[in-house]
Amino acid sequence: MTRFSTTGATIRRAGVCVAASAWALAACLASAADASALRTRLVLAAEPAGAVSITAAKQKLTTTPQPVVVAGRIGARGMEPFVDGKASFSLVEIPTDDHAAKPGHDADGCPFCKKRNANSPLAAVRFLGDDGKEIPVDARTLFGVKKGQDVVVRGTAIFDPKLGIPVIQVTADGIHVRPAAR
């Protein structure tokens, strides 16, 4: 009898483990489907018209949200541009000179880029879900992007000159990843 009770308890524990594994697999598959649906909704096949630099956007923005299309390079002046587990990242200006267009150029390690970008604005980009909260999927996974890629984001933005650093805050509703320069 004792042996049967132990076996019964073992079988119940195994059943709980199987049920938990099935639930985790279902949650994982649902999450992948949600990410796929988000990607389909947010990734723009064509670059939106009227993209401006971060500096140009800053000059026209106020503390009242306004529509904007901004072009920038994923980066953060020596810091990590991505927020782990969130559809958020920061953008820096896309360099306009030829030396920065060379393959493998590292703006964070380049003294010319560092000097030029020291006072240029950043863009903090975030994508919100239907619930108004940041989408809890890492931008690298959701959009297939990485540090140093040029993107164009569409959405609404504000600029508050009272902040300690010049940063425009973009709530994006679309992203276009520019093809890498060759």
N, C-alpha and C. Protein backbone atom coordinates (compact mmCIF):
# COMPACT_ATOMS: atom_id res chain seq x y z
N MET A 1 0.83 -1.20 0.00
CA MET A 1 0.00 0.00 0.00
C MET A 1 0.87 1.25 0.00
N THR A 2 1.89 1.27 0.81
CA THR A 2 2.77 2.42 0.85
C THR A 2 3.41 2.64 -0.50
N ARG A 3 3.83 1.54 -1.13
CA ARG A 3 4.46 1.65 -2.44
C ARG A 3 3.49 2.26 -3.45
N PHE A 4 2.22 1.86 -3.42
CA PHE A 4 1.23 2.40 -4.34
C PHE A 4 1.03 3.89 -4.08
N SER A 5 1.00 4.32 -2.82
CA SER A 5 0.82 5.73 -2.47
C SER A 5 1.98 6.55 -3.01
N THR A 6 3.18 6.05 -2.84
CA THR A 6 4.35 6.76 -3.34
C THR A 6 4.29 6.85 -4.85
N THR A 7 3.92 5.74 -5.49
CA THR A 7 3.81 5.73 -6.94
C THR A 7 2.71 6.68 -7.39
N GLY A 8 1.59 6.69 -6.68
CA GLY A 8 0.50 7.60 -7.00
C GLY A 8 0.94 9.06 -6.88
N ALA A 9 1.71 9.39 -5.82
CA ALA A 9 2.20 10.75 -5.63
C ALA A 9 3.18 11.10 -6.75
N THR A 10 4.00 10.15 -7.12
CA THR A 10 4.96 10.38 -8.20
C THR A 10 4.23 10.63 -9.50
N ILE A 11 3.20 9.85 -9.75
CA ILE A 11 2.41 10.03 -10.98
C ILE A 11 1.73 11.39 -10.98
N ARG A 12 1.19 11.80 -9.81
CA ARG A 12 0.55 13.12 -9.73
C ARG A 12 1.56 14.23 -9.99
N ARG A 13 2.77 14.12 -9.39
CA ARG A 13 3.81 15.13 -9.62
C ARG A 13 4.20 15.17 -11.10
N ALA A 14 4.32 14.01 -11.71
CA ALA A 14 4.67 13.95 -13.13
C ALA A 14 3.56 14.60 -13.97
N GLY A 15 2.32 14.35 -13.58
CA GLY A 15 1.19 14.96 -14.30
C GLY A 15 1.22 16.48 -14.19
N VAL A 16 1.56 16.98 -13.00
CA VAL A 16 1.66 18.43 -12.80
C VAL A 16 2.79 18.98 -13.66
N CYS A 17 3.92 18.28 -13.71
CA CYS A 17 5.05 18.73 -14.53
C CYS A 17 4.68 18.74 -16.01
N VAL A 18 4.00 17.73 -16.47
CA VAL A 18 3.58 17.67 -17.88
C VAL A 18 2.61 18.81 -18.17
N ALA A 19 1.67 19.04 -17.26
CA ALA A 19 0.70 20.13 -17.45
C ALA A 19 1.42 21.48 -17.47
N ALA A 20 2.37 21.67 -16.56
CA ALA A 20 3.13 22.93 -16.51
C ALA A 20 3.95 23.11 -17.78
N SER A 21 4.55 22.04 -18.25
CA SER A 21 5.34 22.11 -19.49
C SER A 21 4.45 22.44 -20.68
N ALA A 22 3.29 21.85 -20.73
CA ALA A 22 2.36 22.13 -21.83
C ALA A 22 1.91 23.58 -21.78
N TRP A 23 1.64 24.10 -20.58
CA TRP A 23 1.25 25.50 -20.42
C TRP A 23 2.39 26.41 -20.86
N ALA A 24 3.62 26.11 -20.45
CA ALA A 24 4.78 26.93 -20.83
C ALA A 24 4.98 26.92 -22.34
N LEU A 25 4.83 25.75 -22.96
CA LEU A 25 4.97 25.65 -24.41
C LEU A 25 3.87 26.46 -25.09
N ALA A 26 2.66 26.37 -24.60
CA ALA A 26 1.55 27.13 -25.18
C ALA A 26 1.80 28.63 -25.03
N ALA A 27 2.29 29.05 -23.87
CA ALA A 27 2.59 30.46 -23.64
C ALA A 27 3.69 30.93 -24.57
N CYS A 28 4.70 30.09 -24.75
CA CYS A 28 5.81 30.43 -25.65
C CYS A 28 5.31 30.57 -27.09
N LEU A 29 4.49 29.64 -27.54
CA LEU A 29 3.95 29.71 -28.90
C LEU A 29 3.04 30.92 -29.08
N ALA A 30 2.23 31.23 -28.05
CA ALA A 30 1.37 32.40 -28.12
C ALA A 30 2.20 33.67 -28.18
N SER A 31 3.28 33.71 -27.40
CA SER A 31 4.17 34.87 -27.40
C SER A 31 4.81 35.05 -28.76
N ALA A 32 5.24 33.96 -29.39
CA ALA A 32 5.84 34.03 -30.72
C ALA A 32 4.81 34.52 -31.73
N ALA A 33 3.57 34.06 -31.60
CA ALA A 33 2.51 34.51 -32.51
C ALA A 33 2.23 36.00 -32.30
N ASP A 34 2.21 36.44 -31.02
CA ASP A 34 1.99 37.85 -30.71
C ASP A 34 3.12 38.70 -31.31
N ALA A 35 4.36 38.24 -31.15
CA ALA A 35 5.51 38.97 -31.69
C ALA A 35 5.42 39.06 -33.21
N SER A 36 5.00 37.99 -33.84
CA SER A 36 4.85 37.98 -35.29
C SER A 36 3.78 38.97 -35.73
N ALA A 37 2.66 39.01 -35.02
CA ALA A 37 1.59 39.95 -35.34
C ALA A 37 2.06 41.39 -35.13
N LEU A 38 2.79 41.63 -34.04
CA LEU A 38 3.33 42.97 -33.79
C LEU A 38 4.30 43.38 -34.89
N ARG A 39 5.18 42.48 -35.25
CA ARG A 39 6.16 42.74 -36.30
C ARG A 39 5.45 43.12 -37.60
N THR A 40 4.43 42.37 -37.95
CA THR A 40 3.66 42.64 -39.17
C THR A 40 3.03 44.02 -39.12
N ARG A 41 2.54 44.40 -37.95
CA ARG A 41 1.87 45.69 -37.79
C ARG A 41 2.85 46.86 -37.75
N LEU A 42 4.03 46.68 -37.17
CA LEU A 42 4.93 47.80 -36.91
C LEU A 42 6.05 47.99 -37.93
N VAL A 43 6.50 46.92 -38.57
CA VAL A 43 7.61 47.04 -39.51
C VAL A 43 7.05 47.52 -40.85
N LEU A 44 7.60 48.63 -41.33
CA LEU A 44 7.15 49.24 -42.57
C LEU A 44 8.02 48.76 -43.72
N ALA A 45 7.41 48.26 -44.77
CA ALA A 45 8.15 47.75 -45.93
C ALA A 45 8.86 48.88 -46.67
N ALA A 46 8.22 50.02 -46.74
CA ALA A 46 8.81 51.17 -47.44
C ALA A 46 9.11 52.27 -46.42
N GLU A 47 10.14 53.03 -46.72
CA GLU A 47 10.50 54.14 -45.83
C GLU A 47 9.43 55.22 -45.92
N PRO A 48 8.93 55.69 -44.76
CA PRO A 48 7.93 56.74 -44.79
C PRO A 48 8.52 58.04 -45.35
N ALA A 49 7.71 58.78 -46.06
CA ALA A 49 8.15 60.05 -46.66
C ALA A 49 8.37 61.10 -45.57
N GLY A 50 9.28 62.01 -45.86
CA GLY A 50 9.48 63.16 -44.99
C GLY A 50 10.37 62.94 -43.79
N ALA A 51 11.21 61.93 -43.82
CA ALA A 51 12.09 61.67 -42.67
C ALA A 51 13.06 62.83 -42.48
N VAL A 52 13.21 63.25 -41.23
CA VAL A 52 14.14 64.32 -40.87
C VAL A 52 15.16 63.81 -39.87
N SER A 53 16.24 64.54 -39.71
CA SER A 53 17.26 64.17 -38.72
C SER A 53 16.72 64.43 -37.32
N ILE A 54 17.40 63.90 -36.35
CA ILE A 54 17.01 64.12 -34.95
C ILE A 54 17.10 65.60 -34.62
N THR A 55 18.16 66.26 -35.10
CA THR A 55 18.34 67.70 -34.85
C THR A 55 17.19 68.50 -35.45
N ALA A 56 16.81 68.19 -36.68
CA ALA A 56 15.70 68.90 -37.33
C ALA A 56 14.39 68.66 -36.58
N ALA A 57 14.17 67.44 -36.12
CA ALA A 57 12.95 67.13 -35.36
C ALA A 57 12.93 67.92 -34.06
N LYS A 58 14.06 67.98 -33.38
CA LYS A 58 14.15 68.70 -32.11
C LYS A 58 13.78 70.17 -32.29
N GLN A 59 14.20 70.76 -33.39
CA GLN A 59 13.94 72.18 -33.62
C GLN A 59 12.46 72.49 -33.79
N LYS A 60 11.67 71.54 -34.27
CA LYS A 60 10.25 71.81 -34.48
C LYS A 60 9.35 71.31 -33.35
N LEU A 61 9.88 70.46 -32.48
CA LEU A 61 9.06 69.85 -31.43
C LEU A 61 8.93 70.74 -30.20
N THR A 62 7.83 70.52 -29.47
CA THR A 62 7.58 71.19 -28.20
C THR A 62 7.20 70.10 -27.19
N THR A 63 6.64 70.51 -26.07
CA THR A 63 6.20 69.54 -25.07
C THR A 63 4.82 68.97 -25.38
N THR A 64 4.22 69.40 -26.48
CA THR A 64 2.96 68.85 -26.95
C THR A 64 3.26 67.82 -28.04
N PRO A 65 2.76 66.60 -27.91
CA PRO A 65 3.06 65.57 -28.91
C PRO A 65 2.65 66.00 -30.33
N GLN A 66 3.56 65.76 -31.27
CA GLN A 66 3.34 66.10 -32.67
C GLN A 66 3.76 64.92 -33.54
N PRO A 67 3.11 64.75 -34.70
CA PRO A 67 3.53 63.69 -35.62
C PRO A 67 4.95 63.94 -36.10
N VAL A 68 5.71 62.85 -36.28
CA VAL A 68 7.10 62.98 -36.70
C VAL A 68 7.55 61.73 -37.43
N VAL A 69 8.48 61.92 -38.36
CA VAL A 69 9.18 60.81 -39.02
C VAL A 69 10.66 61.15 -38.88
N VAL A 70 11.39 60.33 -38.13
CA VAL A 70 12.79 60.61 -37.80
C VAL A 70 13.70 59.50 -38.30
N ALA A 71 14.81 59.92 -38.90
CA ALA A 71 15.85 58.97 -39.32
C ALA A 71 17.00 59.07 -38.32
N GLY A 72 17.51 57.92 -37.91
CA GLY A 72 18.62 57.91 -36.97
C GLY A 72 19.35 56.57 -37.01
N ARG A 73 20.44 56.52 -36.27
CA ARG A 73 21.24 55.31 -36.16
C ARG A 73 21.08 54.78 -34.74
N ILE A 74 20.81 53.50 -34.62
CA ILE A 74 20.65 52.91 -33.29
C ILE A 74 21.99 53.01 -32.56
N GLY A 75 21.99 53.73 -31.46
CA GLY A 75 23.19 53.95 -30.68
C GLY A 75 22.88 54.82 -29.47
N ALA A 76 23.91 54.99 -28.61
CA ALA A 76 23.66 55.77 -27.39
C ALA A 76 24.93 56.39 -26.83
N ARG A 77 25.87 56.75 -27.68
CA ARG A 77 27.10 57.42 -27.23
C ARG A 77 27.82 56.64 -26.13
N GLY A 78 28.20 55.43 -26.43
CA GLY A 78 28.98 54.63 -25.49
C GLY A 78 28.16 53.82 -24.50
N MET A 79 26.86 53.95 -24.52
CA MET A 79 26.00 53.18 -23.63
C MET A 79 25.22 52.16 -24.47
N GLU A 80 24.54 51.28 -23.80
CA GLU A 80 23.69 50.29 -24.49
C GLU A 80 22.44 51.00 -24.99
N PRO A 81 22.15 50.94 -26.29
CA PRO A 81 20.99 51.65 -26.81
C PRO A 81 19.66 50.93 -26.59
N PHE A 82 19.69 49.65 -26.25
CA PHE A 82 18.46 48.88 -26.10
C PHE A 82 18.07 48.74 -24.64
N VAL A 83 16.78 48.61 -24.40
CA VAL A 83 16.24 48.30 -23.08
C VAL A 83 15.88 46.83 -23.12
N ASP A 84 16.57 46.02 -22.33
CA ASP A 84 16.31 44.57 -22.34
C ASP A 84 14.84 44.28 -22.10
N GLY A 85 14.28 43.43 -22.96
CA GLY A 85 12.91 42.97 -22.79
C GLY A 85 11.84 43.99 -23.15
N LYS A 86 12.22 45.09 -23.78
CA LYS A 86 11.25 46.12 -24.16
C LYS A 86 11.46 46.52 -25.62
N ALA A 87 10.40 46.94 -26.26
CA ALA A 87 10.49 47.44 -27.64
C ALA A 87 10.89 48.91 -27.57
N SER A 88 12.09 49.16 -27.10
CA SER A 88 12.61 50.51 -26.91
C SER A 88 14.10 50.55 -27.25
N PHE A 89 14.55 51.69 -27.77
CA PHE A 89 15.97 51.88 -28.06
C PHE A 89 16.23 53.36 -28.24
N SER A 90 17.49 53.72 -28.33
CA SER A 90 17.83 55.12 -28.57
C SER A 90 18.51 55.26 -29.92
N LEU A 91 18.37 56.46 -30.47
CA LEU A 91 18.95 56.80 -31.76
C LEU A 91 19.90 57.98 -31.61
N VAL A 92 20.95 57.96 -32.41
CA VAL A 92 21.86 59.09 -32.53
C VAL A 92 21.77 59.57 -33.98
N GLU A 93 22.34 60.74 -34.23
CA GLU A 93 22.34 61.28 -35.61
C GLU A 93 23.10 60.34 -36.54
N ILE A 94 22.64 60.27 -37.77
CA ILE A 94 23.38 59.53 -38.80
C ILE A 94 24.47 60.46 -39.30
N PRO A 95 25.74 60.04 -39.23
CA PRO A 95 26.81 60.92 -39.70
C PRO A 95 26.62 61.26 -41.18
N THR A 96 26.99 62.49 -41.52
CA THR A 96 26.79 62.94 -42.89
C THR A 96 28.09 62.97 -43.69
N ASP A 97 29.21 62.68 -43.05
CA ASP A 97 30.47 62.71 -43.79
C ASP A 97 30.90 61.31 -44.23
N ASP A 98 31.81 61.26 -45.17
CA ASP A 98 32.22 60.00 -45.78
C ASP A 98 32.95 59.05 -44.83
N HIS A 99 33.76 59.58 -43.91
CA HIS A 99 34.55 58.67 -43.08
C HIS A 99 33.65 57.77 -42.23
N ALA A 100 32.50 58.25 -41.86
CA ALA A 100 31.59 57.46 -41.01
C ALA A 100 30.82 56.41 -41.80
N ALA A 101 30.86 56.47 -43.11
CA ALA A 101 30.13 55.52 -43.94
C ALA A 101 30.93 54.25 -44.23
N LYS A 102 32.18 54.23 -43.84
CA LYS A 102 33.03 53.06 -44.11
C LYS A 102 32.57 51.86 -43.29
N PRO A 103 32.59 50.67 -43.88
CA PRO A 103 32.19 49.47 -43.13
C PRO A 103 33.05 49.29 -41.88
N GLY A 104 32.41 48.95 -40.79
CA GLY A 104 33.11 48.73 -39.54
C GLY A 104 33.39 49.98 -38.74
N HIS A 105 32.97 51.15 -39.24
CA HIS A 105 33.20 52.40 -38.51
C HIS A 105 32.47 52.35 -37.18
N ASP A 106 33.17 52.70 -36.10
CA ASP A 106 32.61 52.69 -34.76
C ASP A 106 32.54 54.13 -34.25
N ALA A 107 31.36 54.73 -34.33
CA ALA A 107 31.21 56.13 -33.92
C ALA A 107 31.53 56.32 -32.44
N ASP A 108 31.30 55.30 -31.60
CA ASP A 108 31.61 55.42 -30.18
C ASP A 108 33.11 55.51 -29.92
N GLY A 109 33.92 54.94 -30.81
CA GLY A 109 35.37 54.97 -30.64
C GLY A 109 36.07 56.00 -31.50
N CYS A 110 35.35 56.68 -32.35
CA CYS A 110 35.93 57.66 -33.28
C CYS A 110 35.98 59.04 -32.63
N PRO A 111 37.17 59.63 -32.50
CA PRO A 111 37.26 60.95 -31.85
C PRO A 111 36.52 62.04 -32.62
N PHE A 112 36.49 61.95 -33.94
CA PHE A 112 35.78 62.96 -34.73
C PHE A 112 34.28 62.88 -34.49
N CYS A 113 33.74 61.66 -34.50
CA CYS A 113 32.31 61.47 -34.26
C CYS A 113 31.94 61.85 -32.83
N LYS A 114 32.79 61.48 -31.88
CA LYS A 114 32.51 61.82 -30.49
C LYS A 114 32.39 63.33 -30.30
N LYS A 115 33.33 64.07 -30.90
CA LYS A 115 33.31 65.52 -30.76
C LYS A 115 32.07 66.11 -31.42
N ARG A 116 31.78 65.66 -32.62
CA ARG A 116 30.63 66.19 -33.36
C ARG A 116 29.31 65.86 -32.64
N ASN A 117 29.21 64.67 -32.07
CA ASN A 117 27.96 64.23 -31.45
C ASN A 117 27.80 64.63 -29.98
N ALA A 118 28.84 65.25 -29.41
CA ALA A 118 28.80 65.58 -27.99
C ALA A 118 27.56 66.38 -27.59
N ASN A 119 27.16 67.31 -28.43
CA ASN A 119 26.00 68.15 -28.11
C ASN A 119 24.79 67.90 -28.99
N SER A 120 24.87 66.90 -29.84
CA SER A 120 23.71 66.62 -30.70
C SER A 120 22.66 65.86 -29.90
N PRO A 121 21.41 66.03 -30.28
CA PRO A 121 20.34 65.37 -29.53
C PRO A 121 20.28 63.86 -29.79
N LEU A 122 19.65 63.19 -28.87
CA LEU A 122 19.34 61.77 -28.98
C LEU A 122 17.84 61.64 -29.18
N ALA A 123 17.42 60.48 -29.62
CA ALA A 123 15.99 60.17 -29.67
C ALA A 123 15.77 58.90 -28.86
N ALA A 124 14.87 58.97 -27.89
CA ALA A 124 14.46 57.80 -27.11
C ALA A 124 13.18 57.30 -27.76
N VAL A 125 13.23 56.09 -28.32
CA VAL A 125 12.11 55.54 -29.08
C VAL A 125 11.48 54.41 -28.29
N ARG A 126 10.15 54.42 -28.23
CA ARG A 126 9.44 53.32 -27.58
C ARG A 126 8.20 52.99 -28.38
N PHE A 127 7.85 51.71 -28.34
CA PHE A 127 6.66 51.21 -29.01
C PHE A 127 5.69 50.73 -27.94
N LEU A 128 4.46 51.20 -28.00
CA LEU A 128 3.46 50.85 -27.00
C LEU A 128 2.47 49.83 -27.56
N GLY A 129 1.98 48.99 -26.67
CA GLY A 129 0.95 48.03 -27.04
C GLY A 129 -0.42 48.66 -26.93
N ASP A 130 -1.44 47.88 -27.19
CA ASP A 130 -2.82 48.36 -27.11
C ASP A 130 -3.19 48.81 -25.70
N ASP A 131 -2.46 48.29 -24.70
CA ASP A 131 -2.73 48.64 -23.31
C ASP A 131 -2.05 49.95 -22.89
N GLY A 132 -1.30 50.58 -23.81
CA GLY A 132 -0.62 51.84 -23.49
C GLY A 132 0.71 51.65 -22.80
N LYS A 133 1.14 50.42 -22.60
CA LYS A 133 2.42 50.14 -21.96
C LYS A 133 3.44 49.73 -23.02
N GLU A 134 4.73 49.90 -22.67
CA GLU A 134 5.78 49.47 -23.60
C GLU A 134 5.61 48.00 -23.93
N ILE A 135 5.77 47.68 -25.19
CA ILE A 135 5.65 46.29 -25.63
C ILE A 135 6.76 45.48 -24.96
N PRO A 136 6.43 44.40 -24.26
CA PRO A 136 7.43 43.62 -23.52
C PRO A 136 8.17 42.59 -24.37
N VAL A 137 8.59 43.01 -25.56
CA VAL A 137 9.40 42.16 -26.42
C VAL A 137 10.62 42.98 -26.81
N ASP A 138 11.81 42.42 -26.63
CA ASP A 138 13.03 43.13 -26.93
C ASP A 138 13.05 43.58 -28.39
N ALA A 139 13.40 44.85 -28.61
CA ALA A 139 13.41 45.42 -29.97
C ALA A 139 14.33 44.65 -30.90
N ARG A 140 15.44 44.13 -30.36
CA ARG A 140 16.37 43.36 -31.21
C ARG A 140 15.69 42.13 -31.78
N THR A 141 14.85 41.50 -30.97
CA THR A 141 14.11 40.32 -31.41
C THR A 141 12.92 40.71 -32.26
N LEU A 142 12.17 41.68 -31.80
CA LEU A 142 10.94 42.08 -32.48
C LEU A 142 11.20 42.61 -33.89
N PHE A 143 12.22 43.47 -34.03
CA PHE A 143 12.48 44.12 -35.31
C PHE A 143 13.70 43.58 -36.05
N GLY A 144 14.47 42.71 -35.41
CA GLY A 144 15.67 42.18 -36.04
C GLY A 144 16.74 43.25 -36.25
N VAL A 145 16.84 44.18 -35.30
CA VAL A 145 17.80 45.29 -35.44
C VAL A 145 18.96 45.11 -34.47
N LYS A 146 20.03 45.87 -34.75
CA LYS A 146 21.20 45.85 -33.87
C LYS A 146 21.81 47.23 -33.82
N LYS A 147 22.68 47.41 -32.88
CA LYS A 147 23.38 48.69 -32.71
C LYS A 147 24.10 49.03 -34.02
N GLY A 148 24.02 50.30 -34.41
CA GLY A 148 24.70 50.77 -35.61
C GLY A 148 23.85 50.76 -36.87
N GLN A 149 22.64 50.20 -36.80
CA GLN A 149 21.78 50.17 -37.98
C GLN A 149 21.02 51.49 -38.10
N ASP A 150 20.82 51.91 -39.34
CA ASP A 150 20.03 53.11 -39.62
C ASP A 150 18.57 52.72 -39.78
N VAL A 151 17.71 53.46 -39.09
CA VAL A 151 16.27 53.20 -39.15
C VAL A 151 15.52 54.51 -39.31
N VAL A 152 14.29 54.39 -39.73
CA VAL A 152 13.37 55.52 -39.77
C VAL A 152 12.17 55.12 -38.93
N VAL A 153 11.81 55.96 -37.96
CA VAL A 153 10.66 55.68 -37.11
C VAL A 153 9.59 56.74 -37.34
N ARG A 154 8.35 56.28 -37.28
CA ARG A 154 7.20 57.16 -37.46
C ARG A 154 6.37 57.11 -36.19
N GLY A 155 5.85 58.25 -35.78
CA GLY A 155 5.01 58.28 -34.59
C GLY A 155 4.75 59.69 -34.14
N THR A 156 4.67 59.88 -32.84
CA THR A 156 4.53 61.21 -32.26
C THR A 156 5.71 61.44 -31.33
N ALA A 157 6.08 62.72 -31.16
CA ALA A 157 7.25 63.01 -30.34
C ALA A 157 7.07 64.33 -29.60
N ILE A 158 7.87 64.45 -28.54
CA ILE A 158 7.96 65.71 -27.79
C ILE A 158 9.42 66.02 -27.55
N PHE A 159 9.69 67.28 -27.26
CA PHE A 159 11.01 67.70 -26.81
C PHE A 159 10.80 68.67 -25.65
N ASP A 160 11.40 68.35 -24.53
CA ASP A 160 11.33 69.22 -23.36
C ASP A 160 12.70 69.84 -23.13
N PRO A 161 12.87 71.13 -23.43
CA PRO A 161 14.18 71.77 -23.29
C PRO A 161 14.65 71.85 -21.83
N LYS A 162 13.78 71.59 -20.89
CA LYS A 162 14.16 71.65 -19.47
C LYS A 162 14.91 70.40 -19.01
N LEU A 163 14.90 69.34 -19.84
CA LEU A 163 15.64 68.13 -19.48
C LEU A 163 17.14 68.43 -19.50
N GLY A 164 17.89 67.72 -18.73
CA GLY A 164 19.34 67.93 -18.64
C GLY A 164 20.10 67.57 -19.91
N ILE A 165 19.55 66.68 -20.72
CA ILE A 165 20.21 66.30 -21.97
C ILE A 165 19.23 66.52 -23.12
N PRO A 166 19.75 66.86 -24.29
CA PRO A 166 18.84 67.07 -25.42
C PRO A 166 18.35 65.74 -25.99
N VAL A 167 17.13 65.36 -25.63
CA VAL A 167 16.57 64.09 -26.09
C VAL A 167 15.13 64.30 -26.52
N ILE A 168 14.82 63.84 -27.74
CA ILE A 168 13.41 63.85 -28.14
C ILE A 168 12.84 62.50 -27.75
N GLN A 169 11.60 62.50 -27.32
CA GLN A 169 10.94 61.28 -26.87
C GLN A 169 9.90 60.91 -27.91
N VAL A 170 10.13 59.76 -28.56
CA VAL A 170 9.29 59.31 -29.65
C VAL A 170 8.46 58.11 -29.22
N THR A 171 7.16 58.22 -29.39
CA THR A 171 6.27 57.07 -29.24
C THR A 171 5.96 56.64 -30.67
N ALA A 172 6.59 55.54 -31.07
CA ALA A 172 6.55 55.13 -32.48
C ALA A 172 5.40 54.19 -32.76
N ASP A 173 4.91 54.28 -34.01
CA ASP A 173 3.88 53.34 -34.47
C ASP A 173 4.33 52.62 -35.73
N GLY A 174 5.59 52.86 -36.14
CA GLY A 174 6.14 52.16 -37.30
C GLY A 174 7.64 52.34 -37.36
N ILE A 175 8.31 51.34 -37.94
CA ILE A 175 9.77 51.39 -38.10
C ILE A 175 10.13 50.81 -39.47
N HIS A 176 11.06 51.48 -40.10
CA HIS A 176 11.62 50.98 -41.36
C HIS A 176 13.13 50.85 -41.15
N VAL A 177 13.67 49.67 -41.39
CA VAL A 177 15.10 49.45 -41.27
C VAL A 177 15.72 49.67 -42.65
N ARG A 178 16.61 50.66 -42.70
CA ARG A 178 17.26 50.96 -43.98
C ARG A 178 18.24 49.84 -44.33
N PRO A 179 18.36 49.54 -45.61
CA PRO A 179 19.34 48.53 -46.01
C PRO A 179 20.75 49.02 -45.71
N ALA A 180 21.63 48.10 -45.37
CA ALA A 180 23.02 48.47 -45.06
C ALA A 180 23.70 49.03 -46.31
N ALA A 181 24.51 50.06 -46.09
CA ALA A 181 25.25 50.66 -47.21
C ALA A 181 26.33 49.68 -47.67
N ARG A 182 26.59 49.67 -48.94
CA ARG A 182 27.60 48.75 -49.47
C ARG A 182 28.76 49.50 -50.01
